[in-house]
Amino acid sequence: MKITTDLYLGDSRKELKKLLDNSVDLIVTSPPYADQRKNTYGGIHPDKYVEWFLPISEQLLRVLKPTGTFVLNIKEKVVEGERSTYVMELIIAMRKQGWLWTEEFIWHKKNSYPGKWPNRFRDSWERLLQFNKNKHFNMYQEEVMVPMGDWAKTRLKKLSDTDKVRDNSKVGSGFGKNISNWIDRDKAFPTNVLHLATECNNKNHSAAFPEELPEWFIKLFTKENDIVLDPFMGSGTTLFVSNRMKRNSIGVEILPEYYKMVRDQLQPVELYLLEHKEIYEKDEPKRRDAVR
């Protein structure tokens, strides 16, 4: 089956209405943050952000399949010396809209820029909010499993009696874990913290994220031939990764220069990947181990 990519030039609030109901398996996107990228996207004031985003999330709720997932990369900013609450307000508003706030992942930026403020440290993380339409959604956890840590070598070598049962935690936090469940296992499920550098191959956009970021979520929530949507595609990172991973993709971009750049690059990328298929398959374990 041939993999397809559909591009739309325009405002997501309008362009998303062209998509069919319940047609998308995964949405991965990073919209302009409040008051950020004013020179390119105009900037949205924190007090107006929820009002601006809800018509978009309404369309995303419509096009997402009942088994699909929406991953929103977003970060609050500092306003007059304190953290803005617009991200939290957006979560609450989206829940009222019908979304389930299922999980929160953290992107730890391993090479974040040094801080420049006298009363705070450098900002080295961003949120990745997971939303769903239903409690039961597609999730392929085995695809993102990581090698067992060194702790297993000593802990599993000589198990105590409490390691073999689910006993009460000594610190009163609930039940402890049955450590014996990890015997003879080579891999474990990862945490919800993704350790990734901010460097990326695509330098043509001021806020492009690394390919490993959408790749990890595409592995976790989709399979081949599924449909991935980025309603703020920017430089097209999510689309290029989807293309390489044999997923169909849809991108929406309001700026003509980015739309044209992605459109012009898609066909050469498709040809290159076809010619270098063996190289990508060989490097797959390295890309998977990069996200732990």
C-alpha atoms as a PDB file:
ATOM      1  CA  MET A   1       0.000   0.000   0.000  1.00  0.00           C
ATOM      2  CA  LYS A   2       1.384   3.415  -0.985  1.00  0.00           C
ATOM      3  CA  ILE A   3       1.969   5.918   1.820  1.00  0.00           C
ATOM      4  CA  THR A   4       0.329   9.301   1.231  1.00  0.00           C
ATOM      5  CA  THR A   5       0.853  12.808   2.613  1.00  0.00           C
ATOM      6  CA  ASP A   6      -1.829  15.499   2.340  1.00  0.00           C
ATOM      7  CA  LEU A   7      -0.901  19.148   2.861  1.00  0.00           C
ATOM      8  CA  TYR A   8      -3.256  22.046   3.590  1.00  0.00           C
ATOM      9  CA  LEU A   9      -2.315  25.718   3.452  1.00  0.00           C
ATOM     10  CA  GLY A  10      -4.335  27.898   5.795  1.00  0.00           C
ATOM     11  CA  ASP A  11      -5.666  28.372   9.315  1.00  0.00           C
ATOM     12  CA  SER A  12      -6.217  25.075  11.162  1.00  0.00           C
ATOM     13  CA  ARG A  13      -9.577  26.329  12.414  1.00  0.00           C
ATOM     14  CA  LYS A  14     -10.803  26.299   8.814  1.00  0.00           C
ATOM     15  CA  GLU A  15      -8.642  23.666   7.103  1.00  0.00           C
ATOM     16  CA  LEU A  16      -9.393  20.928   9.657  1.00  0.00           C
ATOM     17  CA  LYS A  17     -13.081  21.144   8.715  1.00  0.00           C
ATOM     18  CA  LYS A  18     -12.128  19.527   5.400  1.00  0.00           C
ATOM     19  CA  LEU A  19     -11.111  16.284   7.140  1.00  0.00           C
ATOM     20  CA  LEU A  20     -13.522  13.415   7.736  1.00  0.00           C
ATOM     21  CA  ASP A  21     -14.938  12.550  11.165  1.00  0.00           C
ATOM     22  CA  ASN A  22     -13.057   9.818  13.067  1.00  0.00           C
ATOM     23  CA  SER A  23     -10.369   9.527  10.394  1.00  0.00           C
ATOM     24  CA  VAL A  24      -7.048  10.172  12.201  1.00  0.00           C
ATOM     25  CA  ASP A  25      -5.131   7.698  14.393  1.00  0.00           C
ATOM     26  CA  LEU A  26      -2.651  10.086  16.013  1.00  0.00           C
ATOM     27  CA  ILE A  27      -2.276  13.852  16.336  1.00  0.00           C
ATOM     28  CA  VAL A  28       1.199  15.105  17.286  1.00  0.00           C
ATOM     29  CA  THR A  29       1.752  18.839  17.258  1.00  0.00           C
ATOM     30  CA  SER A  30       3.420  21.832  18.850  1.00  0.00           C
ATOM     31  CA  PRO A  31       1.350  24.998  18.336  1.00  0.00           C
ATOM     32  CA  PRO A  32       2.772  28.482  18.867  1.00  0.00           C
ATOM     33  CA  TYR A  33       3.113  29.027  22.604  1.00  0.00           C
ATOM     34  CA  ALA A  34       1.606  32.114  24.215  1.00  0.00           C
ATOM     35  CA  ASP A  35       3.421  35.306  23.146  1.00  0.00           C
ATOM     36  CA  GLN A  36       6.051  33.229  21.315  1.00  0.00           C
ATOM     37  CA  ARG A  37       7.236  33.437  17.678  1.00  0.00           C
ATOM     38  CA  LYS A  38       5.583  36.850  17.197  1.00  0.00           C
ATOM     39  CA  ASN A  39       7.655  37.543  14.092  1.00  0.00           C
ATOM     40  CA  THR A  40       6.305  34.452  12.336  1.00  0.00           C
ATOM     41  CA  TYR A  41       2.918  33.576  13.860  1.00  0.00           C
ATOM     42  CA  GLY A  42       1.927  36.839  15.499  1.00  0.00           C
ATOM     43  CA  GLY A  43       1.849  35.565  19.064  1.00  0.00           C
ATOM     44  CA  ILE A  44      -1.201  34.837  21.222  1.00  0.00           C
ATOM     45  CA  HIS A  45      -1.543  36.554  24.589  1.00  0.00           C
ATOM     46  CA  PRO A  46      -1.739  34.090  27.534  1.00  0.00           C
ATOM     47  CA  ASP A  47      -5.150  35.496  28.526  1.00  0.00           C
ATOM     48  CA  LYS A  48      -6.489  34.761  25.020  1.00  0.00           C
ATOM     49  CA  TYR A  49      -4.788  31.435  24.417  1.00  0.00           C
ATOM     50  CA  VAL A  50      -7.594  29.122  25.560  1.00  0.00           C
ATOM     51  CA  GLU A  51     -10.150  31.059  23.549  1.00  0.00           C
ATOM     52  CA  TRP A  52      -7.881  30.818  20.498  1.00  0.00           C
ATOM     53  CA  PHE A  53      -7.136  27.099  20.823  1.00  0.00           C
ATOM     54  CA  LEU A  54     -10.566  25.643  21.672  1.00  0.00           C
ATOM     55  CA  PRO A  55     -12.002  25.917  18.126  1.00  0.00           C
ATOM     56  CA  ILE A  56      -8.950  23.977  16.926  1.00  0.00           C
ATOM     57  CA  SER A  57      -9.193  21.295  19.597  1.00  0.00           C
ATOM     58  CA  GLU A  58     -12.904  20.993  18.791  1.00  0.00           C
ATOM     59  CA  GLN A  59     -12.015  20.018  15.223  1.00  0.00           C
ATOM     60  CA  LEU A  60      -9.262  17.693  16.435  1.00  0.00           C
ATOM     61  CA  LEU A  61     -11.770  15.944  18.687  1.00  0.00           C
ATOM     62  CA  ARG A  62     -14.026  15.454  15.682  1.00  0.00           C
ATOM     63  CA  VAL A  63     -11.388  14.029  13.298  1.00  0.00           C
ATOM     64  CA  LEU A  64      -9.640  11.762  15.813  1.00  0.00           C
ATOM     65  CA  LYS A  65     -10.710   8.128  15.827  1.00  0.00           C
ATOM     66  CA  PRO A  66     -12.282   6.787  19.058  1.00  0.00           C
ATOM     67  CA  THR A  67      -9.133   4.651  19.455  1.00  0.00           C
ATOM     68  CA  GLY A  68      -6.779   7.526  18.613  1.00  0.00           C
ATOM     69  CA  THR A  69      -4.521   9.774  20.677  1.00  0.00           C
ATOM     70  CA  PHE A  70      -3.678  13.485  20.699  1.00  0.00           C
ATOM     71  CA  VAL A  71      -0.192  14.513  21.925  1.00  0.00           C
ATOM     72  CA  LEU A  72       0.178  18.250  22.561  1.00  0.00           C
ATOM     73  CA  ASN A  73       3.662  19.721  23.061  1.00  0.00           C
ATOM     74  CA  ILE A  74       3.242  22.964  24.999  1.00  0.00           C
ATOM     75  CA  LYS A  75       4.906  24.997  27.736  1.00  0.00           C
ATOM     76  CA  GLU A  76       3.737  27.815  29.996  1.00  0.00           C
ATOM     77  CA  LYS A  77       5.764  31.026  30.121  1.00  0.00           C
ATOM     78  CA  VAL A  78       6.798  33.508  32.779  1.00  0.00           C
ATOM     79  CA  VAL A  79       4.557  36.582  32.973  1.00  0.00           C
ATOM     80  CA  GLU A  80       5.601  39.452  35.273  1.00  0.00           C
ATOM     81  CA  GLY A  81       7.790  37.246  37.415  1.00  0.00           C
ATOM     82  CA  GLU A  82       5.509  34.214  37.800  1.00  0.00           C
ATOM     83  CA  ARG A  83       4.523  31.208  35.743  1.00  0.00           C
ATOM     84  CA  SER A  84       1.452  31.680  33.579  1.00  0.00           C
ATOM     85  CA  THR A  85      -1.469  29.329  34.164  1.00  0.00           C
ATOM     86  CA  TYR A  86      -2.693  29.210  30.569  1.00  0.00           C
ATOM     87  CA  VAL A  87      -1.624  25.585  30.033  1.00  0.00           C
ATOM     88  CA  MET A  88      -3.572  24.429  33.100  1.00  0.00           C
ATOM     89  CA  GLU A  89      -6.553  26.509  32.045  1.00  0.00           C
ATOM     90  CA  LEU A  90      -6.371  24.899  28.600  1.00  0.00           C
ATOM     91  CA  ILE A  91      -6.365  21.388  30.100  1.00  0.00           C
ATOM     92  CA  ILE A  92      -9.474  22.165  32.158  1.00  0.00           C
ATOM     93  CA  ALA A  93     -11.241  23.744  29.164  1.00  0.00           C
ATOM     94  CA  MET A  94     -10.417  20.771  26.929  1.00  0.00           C
ATOM     95  CA  ARG A  95     -11.787  18.346  29.521  1.00  0.00           C
ATOM     96  CA  LYS A  96     -15.034  20.298  29.494  1.00  0.00           C
ATOM     97  CA  GLN A  97     -14.945  20.069  25.706  1.00  0.00           C
ATOM     98  CA  GLY A  98     -14.997  16.276  25.916  1.00  0.00           C
ATOM     99  CA  TRP A  99     -11.327  15.299  25.998  1.00  0.00           C
ATOM    100  CA  LEU A 100      -9.834  12.878  28.508  1.00  0.00           C
ATOM    101  CA  TRP A 101      -6.494  14.087  29.893  1.00  0.00           C
ATOM    102  CA  THR A 102      -4.889  10.651  30.005  1.00  0.00           C
ATOM    103  CA  GLU A 103      -1.203  11.243  30.674  1.00  0.00           C
ATOM    104  CA  GLU A 104       1.532  13.854  30.840  1.00  0.00           C
ATOM    105  CA  PHE A 105       4.979  13.179  29.409  1.00  0.00           C
ATOM    106  CA  ILE A 106       8.015  15.351  30.032  1.00  0.00           C
ATOM    107  CA  TRP A 107      10.563  16.183  27.355  1.00  0.00           C
ATOM    108  CA  HIS A 108      13.878  16.711  29.136  1.00  0.00           C
ATOM    109  CA  LYS A 109      16.072  18.834  26.879  1.00  0.00           C
ATOM    110  CA  LYS A 110      19.559  17.504  27.435  1.00  0.00           C
ATOM    111  CA  ASN A 111      21.245  20.512  25.812  1.00  0.00           C
ATOM    112  CA  SER A 112      18.935  23.373  26.778  1.00  0.00           C
ATOM    113  CA  TYR A 113      20.225  26.938  26.629  1.00  0.00           C
ATOM    114  CA  PRO A 114      21.599  28.489  29.855  1.00  0.00           C
ATOM    115  CA  GLY A 115      19.172  30.600  31.843  1.00  0.00           C
ATOM    116  CA  LYS A 116      19.392  34.393  31.648  1.00  0.00           C
ATOM    117  CA  TRP A 117      17.291  35.441  34.645  1.00  0.00           C
ATOM    118  CA  PRO A 118      18.658  36.371  38.081  1.00  0.00           C
ATOM    119  CA  ASN A 119      15.872  34.592  40.000  1.00  0.00           C
ATOM    120  CA  ARG A 120      15.375  31.307  38.141  1.00  0.00           C
ATOM    121  CA  PHE A 121      17.386  28.475  36.585  1.00  0.00           C
ATOM    122  CA  ARG A 122      17.530  27.387  32.974  1.00  0.00           C
ATOM    123  CA  ASP A 123      14.347  25.894  31.545  1.00  0.00           C
ATOM    124  CA  SER A 124      15.191  22.371  30.374  1.00  0.00           C
ATOM    125  CA  TRP A 125      11.821  20.638  29.989  1.00  0.00           C
ATOM    126  CA  GLU A 126       8.524  20.878  28.149  1.00  0.00           C
ATOM    127  CA  ARG A 127       5.151  19.201  28.531  1.00  0.00           C
ATOM    128  CA  LEU A 128       3.727  16.579  26.199  1.00  0.00           C
ATOM    129  CA  LEU A 129       0.070  16.253  27.137  1.00  0.00           C
ATOM    130  CA  GLN A 130      -1.787  13.118  26.066  1.00  0.00           C
ATOM    131  CA  PHE A 131      -5.507  13.437  25.363  1.00  0.00           C
ATOM    132  CA  ASN A 132      -7.969  10.765  24.237  1.00  0.00           C
ATOM    133  CA  LYS A 133     -11.633  10.480  23.326  1.00  0.00           C
ATOM    134  CA  ASN A 134     -12.112   7.186  25.182  1.00  0.00           C
ATOM    135  CA  LYS A 135     -10.434   5.305  28.003  1.00  0.00           C
ATOM    136  CA  HIS A 136      -9.662   2.440  25.619  1.00  0.00           C
ATOM    137  CA  PHE A 137      -7.268   3.518  22.874  1.00  0.00           C
ATOM    138  CA  ASN A 138      -4.598   1.911  20.689  1.00  0.00           C
ATOM    139  CA  MET A 139      -1.235   1.673  22.426  1.00  0.00           C
ATOM    140  CA  TYR A 140       1.681  -0.515  21.343  1.00  0.00           C
ATOM    141  CA  GLN A 141       3.891  -0.400  24.429  1.00  0.00           C
ATOM    142  CA  GLU A 142       6.233  -3.169  23.289  1.00  0.00           C
ATOM    143  CA  GLU A 143       7.462  -0.888  20.495  1.00  0.00           C
ATOM    144  CA  VAL A 144       9.102   1.543  22.939  1.00  0.00           C
ATOM    145  CA  MET A 145      10.480  -0.862  25.538  1.00  0.00           C
ATOM    146  CA  VAL A 146      14.056  -0.233  26.708  1.00  0.00           C
ATOM    147  CA  PRO A 147      16.839  -2.533  27.999  1.00  0.00           C
ATOM    148  CA  MET A 148      16.641  -3.442  31.677  1.00  0.00           C
ATOM    149  CA  GLY A 149      18.698  -1.146  33.886  1.00  0.00           C
ATOM    150  CA  ASP A 150      21.799  -2.180  35.841  1.00  0.00           C
ATOM    151  CA  TRP A 151      19.743  -2.275  39.024  1.00  0.00           C
ATOM    152  CA  ALA A 152      18.351  -5.663  37.952  1.00  0.00           C
ATOM    153  CA  LYS A 153      21.768  -7.382  38.089  1.00  0.00           C
ATOM    154  CA  THR A 154      22.038  -7.097  41.857  1.00  0.00           C
ATOM    155  CA  ARG A 155      18.389  -6.785  42.895  1.00  0.00           C
ATOM    156  CA  LEU A 156      17.227  -9.911  41.062  1.00  0.00           C
ATOM    157  CA  LYS A 157      20.282 -11.987  41.921  1.00  0.00           C
ATOM    158  CA  LYS A 158      19.161 -12.537  45.496  1.00  0.00           C
ATOM    159  CA  LEU A 159      15.481 -11.829  46.133  1.00  0.00           C
ATOM    160  CA  SER A 160      14.153 -11.192  49.619  1.00  0.00           C
ATOM    161  CA  ASP A 161      10.735 -12.418  50.750  1.00  0.00           C
ATOM    162  CA  THR A 162       9.238  -8.943  50.306  1.00  0.00           C
ATOM    163  CA  ASP A 163      10.593  -8.787  46.749  1.00  0.00           C
ATOM    164  CA  LYS A 164       8.276 -11.674  45.823  1.00  0.00           C
ATOM    165  CA  VAL A 165       4.974 -10.103  46.906  1.00  0.00           C
ATOM    166  CA  ARG A 166       3.070  -6.821  46.621  1.00  0.00           C
ATOM    167  CA  ASP A 167       3.535  -5.611  50.168  1.00  0.00           C
ATOM    168  CA  ASN A 168       2.724  -2.297  51.778  1.00  0.00           C
ATOM    169  CA  SER A 169       5.269   0.405  51.014  1.00  0.00           C
ATOM    170  CA  LYS A 170       7.504   1.239  53.982  1.00  0.00           C
ATOM    171  CA  VAL A 171       6.946   4.955  53.394  1.00  0.00           C
ATOM    172  CA  GLY A 172       3.177   4.653  53.392  1.00  0.00           C
ATOM    173  CA  SER A 173       2.734   5.513  49.726  1.00  0.00           C
ATOM    174  CA  GLY A 174       0.643   2.435  48.906  1.00  0.00           C
ATOM    175  CA  PHE A 175       1.670  -0.951  47.603  1.00  0.00           C
ATOM    176  CA  GLY A 176       5.245  -1.852  46.740  1.00  0.00           C
ATOM    177  CA  LYS A 177       6.190  -3.754  43.594  1.00  0.00           C
ATOM    178  CA  ASN A 178       6.623  -7.483  43.178  1.00  0.00           C
ATOM    179  CA  ILE A 179      10.252  -7.410  42.010  1.00  0.00           C
ATOM    180  CA  SER A 180      10.239 -11.098  41.088  1.00  0.00           C
ATOM    181  CA  ASN A 181       8.083 -10.221  38.067  1.00  0.00           C
ATOM    182  CA  TRP A 182      11.237  -8.873  36.401  1.00  0.00           C
ATOM    183  CA  ILE A 183      13.187 -12.139  36.423  1.00  0.00           C
ATOM    184  CA  ASP A 184      14.320 -13.287  32.952  1.00  0.00           C
ATOM    185  CA  ARG A 185      13.156 -10.055  31.311  1.00  0.00           C
ATOM    186  CA  ASP A 186      15.530  -8.303  28.926  1.00  0.00           C
ATOM    187  CA  LYS A 187      13.462  -5.169  28.480  1.00  0.00           C
ATOM    188  CA  ALA A 188      11.228  -2.932  30.564  1.00  0.00           C
ATOM    189  CA  PHE A 189       8.638  -0.275  29.857  1.00  0.00           C
ATOM    190  CA  PRO A 190      10.109   3.249  29.714  1.00  0.00           C
ATOM    191  CA  THR A 191       9.241   6.114  32.015  1.00  0.00           C
ATOM    192  CA  ASN A 192       7.156   9.114  30.986  1.00  0.00           C
ATOM    193  CA  VAL A 193      10.295  11.276  30.813  1.00  0.00           C
ATOM    194  CA  LEU A 194      11.937  11.497  27.383  1.00  0.00           C
ATOM    195  CA  HIS A 195      15.588  12.557  27.432  1.00  0.00           C
ATOM    196  CA  LEU A 196      16.250  14.192  24.054  1.00  0.00           C
ATOM    197  CA  ALA A 197      18.558  16.920  22.830  1.00  0.00           C
ATOM    198  CA  THR A 198      16.970  19.930  21.169  1.00  0.00           C
ATOM    199  CA  GLU A 199      19.183  19.536  18.113  1.00  0.00           C
ATOM    200  CA  CYS A 200      17.384  18.527  14.959  1.00  0.00           C
ATOM    201  CA  ASN A 201      18.207  17.961  11.319  1.00  0.00           C
ATOM    202  CA  ASN A 202      15.816  20.641  10.107  1.00  0.00           C
ATOM    203  CA  LYS A 203      17.181  24.114  10.851  1.00  0.00           C
ATOM    204  CA  ASN A 204      14.666  25.983   8.706  1.00  0.00           C
ATOM    205  CA  HIS A 205      12.170  26.612  11.516  1.00  0.00           C
ATOM    206  CA  SER A 206      12.672  28.443  14.816  1.00  0.00           C
ATOM    207  CA  ALA A 207      10.893  25.795  16.889  1.00  0.00           C
ATOM    208  CA  ALA A 208      11.389  22.472  15.106  1.00  0.00           C
ATOM    209  CA  PHE A 209      11.607  19.557  17.518  1.00  0.00           C
ATOM    210  CA  PRO A 210      13.956  16.565  17.115  1.00  0.00           C
ATOM    211  CA  GLU A 211      12.796  13.690  14.929  1.00  0.00           C
ATOM    212  CA  GLU A 212      13.023  11.282  17.868  1.00  0.00           C
ATOM    213  CA  LEU A 213      10.160  13.086  19.605  1.00  0.00           C
ATOM    214  CA  PRO A 214       7.324  12.383  17.132  1.00  0.00           C
ATOM    215  CA  GLU A 215       8.982   9.070  16.253  1.00  0.00           C
ATOM    216  CA  TRP A 216       8.564   7.781  19.816  1.00  0.00           C
ATOM    217  CA  PHE A 217       4.863   8.626  19.936  1.00  0.00           C
ATOM    218  CA  ILE A 218       4.251   7.286  16.431  1.00  0.00           C
ATOM    219  CA  LYS A 219       5.731   3.972  17.560  1.00  0.00           C
ATOM    220  CA  LEU A 220       3.687   3.968  20.752  1.00  0.00           C
ATOM    221  CA  PHE A 221       0.279   4.871  19.330  1.00  0.00           C
ATOM    222  CA  THR A 222       0.213   3.759  15.681  1.00  0.00           C
ATOM    223  CA  LYS A 223       1.069   0.959  13.306  1.00  0.00           C
ATOM    224  CA  GLU A 224       2.002   0.971   9.631  1.00  0.00           C
ATOM    225  CA  ASN A 225      -0.543   2.604   7.281  1.00  0.00           C
ATOM    226  CA  ASP A 226      -2.212   4.532  10.119  1.00  0.00           C
ATOM    227  CA  ILE A 227      -2.809   8.276   9.707  1.00  0.00           C
ATOM    228  CA  VAL A 228      -0.810  10.910  11.620  1.00  0.00           C
ATOM    229  CA  LEU A 229      -1.908  14.557  11.704  1.00  0.00           C
ATOM    230  CA  ASP A 230       0.072  17.695  12.560  1.00  0.00           C
ATOM    231  CA  PRO A 231      -2.213  20.779  12.428  1.00  0.00           C
ATOM    232  CA  PHE A 232       0.814  23.084  12.996  1.00  0.00           C
ATOM    233  CA  MET A 233       3.323  21.295  10.783  1.00  0.00           C
ATOM    234  CA  GLY A 234       5.948  24.079  10.578  1.00  0.00           C
ATOM    235  CA  SER A 235       9.042  22.556   8.962  1.00  0.00           C
ATOM    236  CA  GLY A 236       7.285  19.197   8.604  1.00  0.00           C
ATOM    237  CA  THR A 237       9.278  17.072  11.055  1.00  0.00           C
ATOM    238  CA  THR A 238       6.268  14.973  12.077  1.00  0.00           C
ATOM    239  CA  LEU A 239       5.324  14.371   8.452  1.00  0.00           C
ATOM    240  CA  PHE A 240       8.822  13.365   7.362  1.00  0.00           C
ATOM    241  CA  VAL A 241       9.113  10.923  10.271  1.00  0.00           C
ATOM    242  CA  SER A 242       5.660   9.487   9.539  1.00  0.00           C
ATOM    243  CA  ASN A 243       6.667   9.045   5.914  1.00  0.00           C
ATOM    244  CA  ARG A 244       9.824   7.165   6.900  1.00  0.00           C
ATOM    245  CA  MET A 245       7.882   4.946   9.318  1.00  0.00           C
ATOM    246  CA  LYS A 246       5.306   4.013   6.657  1.00  0.00           C
ATOM    247  CA  ARG A 247       2.442   6.002   8.144  1.00  0.00           C
ATOM    248  CA  ASN A 248       0.139   8.229   6.134  1.00  0.00           C
ATOM    249  CA  SER A 249       0.255  11.850   7.216  1.00  0.00           C
ATOM    250  CA  ILE A 250      -1.648  15.122   7.057  1.00  0.00           C
ATOM    251  CA  GLY A 251      -0.138  18.547   7.639  1.00  0.00           C
ATOM    252  CA  VAL A 252      -1.699  21.990   8.019  1.00  0.00           C
ATOM    253  CA  GLU A 253       0.390  25.169   7.928  1.00  0.00           C
ATOM    254  CA  ILE A 254      -0.714  28.795   7.864  1.00  0.00           C
ATOM    255  CA  LEU A 255       2.533  30.276   6.516  1.00  0.00           C
ATOM    256  CA  PRO A 256       3.041  29.854   2.745  1.00  0.00           C
ATOM    257  CA  GLU A 257       6.842  29.693   3.002  1.00  0.00           C
ATOM    258  CA  TYR A 258       6.784  26.686   5.347  1.00  0.00           C
ATOM    259  CA  TYR A 259       4.010  25.023   3.374  1.00  0.00           C
ATOM    260  CA  LYS A 260       6.028  25.376   0.145  1.00  0.00           C
ATOM    261  CA  MET A 261       9.223  24.176   1.821  1.00  0.00           C
ATOM    262  CA  VAL A 262       7.569  20.980   3.088  1.00  0.00           C
ATOM    263  CA  ARG A 263       5.771  20.396  -0.196  1.00  0.00           C
ATOM    264  CA  ASP A 264       9.003  20.746  -2.168  1.00  0.00           C
ATOM    265  CA  GLN A 265      10.967  18.489   0.173  1.00  0.00           C
ATOM    266  CA  LEU A 266       8.479  15.644   0.505  1.00  0.00           C
ATOM    267  CA  GLN A 267       9.063  13.988  -2.862  1.00  0.00           C
ATOM    268  CA  PRO A 268      12.889  14.037  -2.641  1.00  0.00           C
ATOM    269  CA  VAL A 269      12.655  12.609   0.870  1.00  0.00           C
ATOM    270  CA  GLU A 270      10.383   9.815  -0.334  1.00  0.00           C
ATOM    271  CA  LEU A 271      12.845   8.907  -3.093  1.00  0.00           C
ATOM    272  CA  TYR A 272      15.842   9.068  -0.760  1.00  0.00           C
ATOM    273  CA  LEU A 273      14.212   6.805   1.825  1.00  0.00           C
ATOM    274  CA  LEU A 274      13.273   4.322  -0.856  1.00  0.00           C
ATOM    275  CA  GLU A 275      16.877   4.193  -2.104  1.00  0.00           C
ATOM    276  CA  HIS A 276      18.323   3.950   1.443  1.00  0.00           C
ATOM    277  CA  LYS A 277      15.761   1.626   3.004  1.00  0.00           C
ATOM    278  CA  GLU A 278      18.407  -0.815   4.298  1.00  0.00           C
ATOM    279  CA  ILE A 279      20.340   1.955   6.078  1.00  0.00           C
ATOM    280  CA  TYR A 280      17.262   3.146   7.992  1.00  0.00           C
ATOM    281  CA  GLU A 281      16.331  -0.383   9.015  1.00  0.00           C
ATOM    282  CA  LYS A 282      19.884  -1.023  10.217  1.00  0.00           C
ATOM    283  CA  ASP A 283      19.940   2.172  12.325  1.00  0.00           C
ATOM    284  CA  GLU A 284      16.508   1.523  13.876  1.00  0.00           C
ATOM    285  CA  PRO A 285      17.907   0.080  17.192  1.00  0.00           C
ATOM    286  CA  LYS A 286      20.073   3.182  17.651  1.00  0.00           C
ATOM    287  CA  ARG A 287      17.129   5.545  17.229  1.00  0.00           C
ATOM    288  CA  ARG A 288      15.027   3.476  19.643  1.00  0.00           C
ATOM    289  CA  ASP A 289      17.740   3.464  22.322  1.00  0.00           C
ATOM    290  CA  ALA A 290      18.087   7.249  22.035  1.00  0.00           C
ATOM    291  CA  VAL A 291      14.771   7.683  23.870  1.00  0.00           C
ATOM    292  CA  ARG A 292      14.930   6.265  27.395  1.00  0.00           C
END
